[in-house]
Amino acid sequence: AVESPDLGSAKESMAAEIQGESGDIAFNVKYLMDGLKALPNNDIQMQLNASTQPVIFTPLGGLKMTYLVMPVQIRQ
């Protein structure tokens, strides 16, 4: 979820198969969407180690393409 006094708020969710521990992570939506739009299909793999480290997105199906994006810090 995101909130901005000037722009309002937004929250998005998606179906996922999760392996490992759960947690919270946030991205600059422009950078995230630029990468996801460049991937050729909607089935992707998201690889991450910690909420402060880069995240790798790759399409499923054998296509050798990678998109890397840095998360942003979440205020608690």
Protein backbone atom coordinates (compact mmCIF):
# COMPACT_ATOMS: atom_id res chain seq x y z
CA ALA A 1 0.00 0.00 0.00
CA VAL A 2 1.11 3.54 -0.65
CA GLU A 3 -0.27 6.86 0.50
CA SER A 4 0.53 10.38 -0.70
CA PRO A 5 -1.22 13.55 0.46
CA ASP A 6 -1.08 14.95 -3.09
CA LEU A 7 -1.93 11.82 -5.08
CA GLY A 8 -4.02 9.61 -2.80
CA SER A 9 -3.39 5.95 -2.02
CA ALA A 10 -3.07 2.62 -3.80
CA LYS A 11 -2.71 -1.04 -2.95
CA GLU A 12 -2.09 -3.91 -5.34
CA SER A 13 -1.90 -7.66 -4.87
CA MET A 14 -1.28 -10.66 -7.12
CA ALA A 15 -1.49 -14.40 -6.97
CA ALA A 16 1.81 -16.06 -6.06
CA GLU A 17 3.43 -19.30 -5.01
CA ILE A 18 5.75 -18.40 -2.14
CA GLN A 19 8.70 -20.46 -0.91
CA GLY A 20 10.57 -19.40 2.23
CA GLU A 21 9.77 -16.85 4.89
CA SER A 22 7.16 -14.14 4.38
CA GLY A 23 7.91 -10.43 4.73
CA ASP A 24 7.17 -6.94 3.47
CA ILE A 25 8.94 -5.28 0.54
CA ALA A 26 8.26 -2.07 -1.38
CA PHE A 27 9.33 -0.72 -4.78
CA ASN A 28 9.16 2.52 -6.69
CA VAL A 29 6.16 1.60 -8.83
CA LYS A 30 7.56 3.24 -11.97
CA TYR A 31 10.71 1.09 -11.93
CA LEU A 32 8.76 -2.04 -11.03
CA MET A 33 6.20 -1.56 -13.82
CA ASP A 34 8.88 -0.70 -16.41
CA GLY A 35 10.53 -4.04 -15.77
CA LEU A 36 7.36 -6.11 -15.58
CA LYS A 37 6.07 -4.60 -18.85
CA ALA A 38 9.35 -5.53 -20.57
CA LEU A 39 8.99 -9.21 -19.63
CA PRO A 40 7.25 -11.19 -22.39
CA ASN A 41 4.58 -12.94 -20.29
CA ASN A 42 2.68 -12.67 -17.01
CA ASP A 43 4.25 -15.75 -15.42
CA ILE A 44 7.41 -14.57 -13.69
CA GLN A 45 9.79 -15.68 -10.99
CA MET A 46 10.77 -13.16 -8.31
CA GLN A 47 14.00 -13.98 -6.47
CA LEU A 48 14.97 -12.16 -3.29
CA ASN A 49 17.06 -12.68 -0.19
CA ALA A 50 16.09 -9.73 2.02
CA SER A 51 13.84 -6.67 1.79
CA THR A 52 16.91 -4.42 1.50
CA GLN A 53 18.66 -6.28 -1.34
CA PRO A 54 18.04 -6.19 -5.12
CA VAL A 55 15.24 -8.38 -6.48
CA ILE A 56 15.55 -10.36 -9.72
CA PHE A 57 12.54 -10.92 -11.98
CA THR A 58 12.76 -13.54 -14.74
CA PRO A 59 10.02 -14.88 -17.05
CA LEU A 60 9.05 -18.53 -16.68
CA GLY A 61 9.32 -20.74 -19.73
CA GLY A 62 13.03 -20.75 -20.46
CA LEU A 63 13.48 -17.28 -21.97
CA LYS A 64 16.83 -15.90 -20.81
CA MET A 65 15.85 -12.41 -19.71
CA THR A 66 16.43 -10.76 -16.33
CA TYR A 67 15.19 -7.57 -14.70
CA LEU A 68 16.79 -6.34 -11.48
CA VAL A 69 15.15 -3.72 -9.24
CA MET A 70 16.11 -2.28 -5.88
CA PRO A 71 13.45 -2.10 -3.17
CA VAL A 72 12.76 1.13 -1.29
CA GLN A 73 12.79 1.48 2.47
CA ILE A 74 9.43 1.10 4.24
CA ARG A 75 8.72 3.51 7.06
CA GLN A 76 7.45 1.70 10.12
